[in-house]
Amino acid sequence: MEQETQYKILRTLESQPETTQRELATDLGVSLGKVNYCLKRLVEKGWVEAQNFYHNPNKKVYAYMLTRQGIEKKTYMARQFLRWKMDEYDQLQREIDQLRQELGEEALREDSIGVAYDEAGSK
């Protein structure tokens, strides 16, 4: 189970414990089967507790609560995820700078659809 998916599930469940597996799958852009698998692993690790609503006639309705260990792990993963995203951002910034250097002034005079402008700003 990839860490990014774990982190996103933990983050969602912390703020929305009543969310369904189907809603999680839609929100995360993954299959329902993957969410089910991930939740089972998170429960096995002791990071999430599944509690069904006793007063709900549909006994398949659960609330997914983060355990203390799950909250600690989510915080740790958030730091890792932030570090990874910042590294990714820095790499993209270096690539952008390199492309700008390669293209020179031409890159600075083009608009978002690639139409070149002269020094006076005319097309």
C-alpha atoms as a PDB file:
ATOM      1  CA  MET A   1       0.000   0.000   0.000  1.00  0.00           C
ATOM      2  CA  GLU A   2       1.595   3.243  -1.073  1.00  0.00           C
ATOM      3  CA  GLN A   3       2.240   5.871   1.574  1.00  0.00           C
ATOM      4  CA  GLU A   4       0.477   8.663  -0.280  1.00  0.00           C
ATOM      5  CA  THR A   5      -2.789   6.710  -0.350  1.00  0.00           C
ATOM      6  CA  GLN A   6      -2.407   5.785   3.315  1.00  0.00           C
ATOM      7  CA  TYR A   7      -1.797   9.395   4.233  1.00  0.00           C
ATOM      8  CA  LYS A   8      -4.764  10.674   2.222  1.00  0.00           C
ATOM      9  CA  ILE A   9      -7.069   8.090   3.789  1.00  0.00           C
ATOM     10  CA  LEU A  10      -5.869   8.939   7.302  1.00  0.00           C
ATOM     11  CA  ARG A  11      -6.216  12.672   6.621  1.00  0.00           C
ATOM     12  CA  THR A  12      -9.756  12.258   5.307  1.00  0.00           C
ATOM     13  CA  LEU A  13     -10.868   9.953   8.113  1.00  0.00           C
ATOM     14  CA  GLU A  14      -9.529  12.272  10.783  1.00  0.00           C
ATOM     15  CA  SER A  15     -11.841  15.068   9.637  1.00  0.00           C
ATOM     16  CA  GLN A  16     -14.683  12.903   8.236  1.00  0.00           C
ATOM     17  CA  PRO A  17     -14.864   9.588  10.143  1.00  0.00           C
ATOM     18  CA  GLU A  18     -18.337   8.847   8.767  1.00  0.00           C
ATOM     19  CA  THR A  19     -17.191   8.920   5.138  1.00  0.00           C
ATOM     20  CA  THR A  20     -17.931   5.762   3.187  1.00  0.00           C
ATOM     21  CA  GLN A  21     -15.461   3.616   1.305  1.00  0.00           C
ATOM     22  CA  ARG A  22     -17.167   4.613  -1.925  1.00  0.00           C
ATOM     23  CA  GLU A  23     -16.785   8.316  -1.105  1.00  0.00           C
ATOM     24  CA  LEU A  24     -13.126   7.773  -0.236  1.00  0.00           C
ATOM     25  CA  ALA A  25     -12.534   5.984  -3.528  1.00  0.00           C
ATOM     26  CA  THR A  26     -14.157   8.807  -5.486  1.00  0.00           C
ATOM     27  CA  ASP A  27     -12.334  11.550  -3.576  1.00  0.00           C
ATOM     28  CA  LEU A  28      -8.944   9.842  -3.913  1.00  0.00           C
ATOM     29  CA  GLY A  29      -9.446   8.724  -7.497  1.00  0.00           C
ATOM     30  CA  VAL A  30      -8.782   5.061  -6.726  1.00  0.00           C
ATOM     31  CA  SER A  31     -10.864   1.908  -6.944  1.00  0.00           C
ATOM     32  CA  LEU A  32     -13.277   0.860  -4.225  1.00  0.00           C
ATOM     33  CA  GLY A  33     -11.297  -2.371  -3.888  1.00  0.00           C
ATOM     34  CA  LYS A  34      -8.086  -0.437  -3.203  1.00  0.00           C
ATOM     35  CA  VAL A  35      -9.796   1.617  -0.494  1.00  0.00           C
ATOM     36  CA  ASN A  36     -11.216  -1.548   1.079  1.00  0.00           C
ATOM     37  CA  TYR A  37      -7.776  -3.190   1.018  1.00  0.00           C
ATOM     38  CA  CYS A  38      -6.088  -0.091   2.472  1.00  0.00           C
ATOM     39  CA  LEU A  39      -8.641   0.281   5.256  1.00  0.00           C
ATOM     40  CA  LYS A  40      -8.231  -3.377   6.229  1.00  0.00           C
ATOM     41  CA  ARG A  41      -4.443  -2.895   6.421  1.00  0.00           C
ATOM     42  CA  LEU A  42      -4.822   0.326   8.458  1.00  0.00           C
ATOM     43  CA  VAL A  43      -7.139  -1.495  10.893  1.00  0.00           C
ATOM     44  CA  GLU A  44      -4.662  -4.402  11.133  1.00  0.00           C
ATOM     45  CA  LYS A  45      -1.831  -1.958  11.896  1.00  0.00           C
ATOM     46  CA  GLY A  46      -3.925  -0.446  14.666  1.00  0.00           C
ATOM     47  CA  TRP A  47      -4.070   3.014  13.072  1.00  0.00           C
ATOM     48  CA  VAL A  48      -7.830   2.975  12.372  1.00  0.00           C
ATOM     49  CA  GLU A  49     -10.780   1.530  14.262  1.00  0.00           C
ATOM     50  CA  ALA A  50     -13.967   0.653  12.412  1.00  0.00           C
ATOM     51  CA  GLN A  51     -17.103   1.190  14.480  1.00  0.00           C
ATOM     52  CA  ASN A  52     -20.544   0.491  13.091  1.00  0.00           C
ATOM     53  CA  PHE A  53     -23.510   2.664  13.999  1.00  0.00           C
ATOM     54  CA  TYR A  54     -25.605   0.504  16.289  1.00  0.00           C
ATOM     55  CA  HIS A  55     -28.773   2.561  15.842  1.00  0.00           C
ATOM     56  CA  ASN A  56     -28.587   2.582  12.048  1.00  0.00           C
ATOM     57  CA  PRO A  57     -30.821  -0.048  10.426  1.00  0.00           C
ATOM     58  CA  ASN A  58     -28.081  -0.604   7.836  1.00  0.00           C
ATOM     59  CA  LYS A  59     -25.489  -2.512   9.890  1.00  0.00           C
ATOM     60  CA  LYS A  60     -22.898  -2.047   7.130  1.00  0.00           C
ATOM     61  CA  VAL A  61     -22.520   1.662   7.958  1.00  0.00           C
ATOM     62  CA  TYR A  62     -19.223   2.339   9.739  1.00  0.00           C
ATOM     63  CA  ALA A  63     -17.349   5.239  11.242  1.00  0.00           C
ATOM     64  CA  TYR A  64     -13.597   4.999  10.808  1.00  0.00           C
ATOM     65  CA  MET A  65     -11.825   6.507  13.792  1.00  0.00           C
ATOM     66  CA  LEU A  66      -8.097   7.162  13.927  1.00  0.00           C
ATOM     67  CA  THR A  67      -6.432   5.646  16.953  1.00  0.00           C
ATOM     68  CA  ARG A  68      -3.757   7.513  18.887  1.00  0.00           C
ATOM     69  CA  GLN A  69      -1.157   5.551  16.930  1.00  0.00           C
ATOM     70  CA  GLY A  70      -2.963   6.453  13.695  1.00  0.00           C
ATOM     71  CA  ILE A  71      -2.897  10.165  14.548  1.00  0.00           C
ATOM     72  CA  GLU A  72       0.821   9.982  15.325  1.00  0.00           C
ATOM     73  CA  LYS A  73       1.502   8.118  12.076  1.00  0.00           C
ATOM     74  CA  LYS A  74      -0.585  10.600  10.073  1.00  0.00           C
ATOM     75  CA  THR A  75       1.420  13.490  11.523  1.00  0.00           C
ATOM     76  CA  TYR A  76       4.686  11.736  10.680  1.00  0.00           C
ATOM     77  CA  MET A  77       3.467  10.978   7.163  1.00  0.00           C
ATOM     78  CA  ALA A  78       2.312  14.590   6.695  1.00  0.00           C
ATOM     79  CA  ARG A  79       5.861  15.756   7.407  1.00  0.00           C
ATOM     80  CA  GLN A  80       7.251  13.219   4.935  1.00  0.00           C
ATOM     81  CA  PHE A  81       4.651  14.138   2.326  1.00  0.00           C
ATOM     82  CA  LEU A  82       5.392  17.862   2.730  1.00  0.00           C
ATOM     83  CA  ARG A  83       9.131  17.247   2.417  1.00  0.00           C
ATOM     84  CA  TRP A  84       8.553  15.153  -0.716  1.00  0.00           C
ATOM     85  CA  LYS A  85       6.273  17.792  -2.286  1.00  0.00           C
ATOM     86  CA  MET A  86       8.769  20.563  -1.488  1.00  0.00           C
ATOM     87  CA  ASP A  87      11.565  18.549  -3.134  1.00  0.00           C
ATOM     88  CA  GLU A  88       9.322  17.985  -6.144  1.00  0.00           C
ATOM     89  CA  TYR A  89       8.552  21.724  -6.279  1.00  0.00           C
ATOM     90  CA  ASP A  90      12.260  22.607  -6.092  1.00  0.00           C
ATOM     91  CA  GLN A  91      13.041  20.163  -8.922  1.00  0.00           C
ATOM     92  CA  LEU A  92      10.270  21.640 -11.088  1.00  0.00           C
ATOM     93  CA  GLN A  93      11.548  25.151 -10.366  1.00  0.00           C
ATOM     94  CA  ARG A  94      15.066  24.134 -11.470  1.00  0.00           C
ATOM     95  CA  GLU A  95      13.638  22.641 -14.688  1.00  0.00           C
ATOM     96  CA  ILE A  96      11.626  25.807 -15.363  1.00  0.00           C
ATOM     97  CA  ASP A  97      14.699  27.977 -14.792  1.00  0.00           C
ATOM     98  CA  GLN A  98      16.742  25.764 -17.109  1.00  0.00           C
ATOM     99  CA  LEU A  99      14.086  25.953 -19.847  1.00  0.00           C
ATOM    100  CA  ARG A 100      13.904  29.726 -19.500  1.00  0.00           C
ATOM    101  CA  GLN A 101      17.667  29.955 -19.882  1.00  0.00           C
ATOM    102  CA  GLU A 102      17.557  27.717 -22.950  1.00  0.00           C
ATOM    103  CA  LEU A 103      14.791  29.760 -24.561  1.00  0.00           C
ATOM    104  CA  GLY A 104      16.164  33.117 -23.436  1.00  0.00           C
ATOM    105  CA  GLU A 105      14.080  36.226 -23.890  1.00  0.00           C
ATOM    106  CA  GLU A 106      11.736  34.421 -26.283  1.00  0.00           C
ATOM    107  CA  ALA A 107      10.169  32.512 -23.362  1.00  0.00           C
ATOM    108  CA  LEU A 108       9.427  35.719 -21.507  1.00  0.00           C
ATOM    109  CA  ARG A 109       7.606  37.287 -24.482  1.00  0.00           C
ATOM    110  CA  GLU A 110       5.181  34.426 -25.138  1.00  0.00           C
ATOM    111  CA  ASP A 111       1.720  34.227 -23.625  1.00  0.00           C
ATOM    112  CA  SER A 112       0.112  31.060 -22.286  1.00  0.00           C
ATOM    113  CA  ILE A 113      -0.977  29.837 -25.745  1.00  0.00           C
ATOM    114  CA  GLY A 114       2.420  30.371 -27.332  1.00  0.00           C
ATOM    115  CA  VAL A 115       1.782  33.592 -29.279  1.00  0.00           C
ATOM    116  CA  ALA A 116       5.004  35.550 -29.504  1.00  0.00           C
ATOM    117  CA  TYR A 117       5.042  39.290 -28.758  1.00  0.00           C
ATOM    118  CA  ASP A 118       7.567  41.828 -29.979  1.00  0.00           C
ATOM    119  CA  GLU A 119       9.335  44.303 -27.691  1.00  0.00           C
ATOM    120  CA  ALA A 120       6.389  46.748 -27.880  1.00  0.00           C
ATOM    121  CA  GLY A 121       3.928  44.046 -26.809  1.00  0.00           C
ATOM    122  CA  SER A 122       2.328  43.607 -30.256  1.00  0.00           C
ATOM    123  CA  LYS A 123       1.666  40.183 -31.753  1.00  0.00           C
END
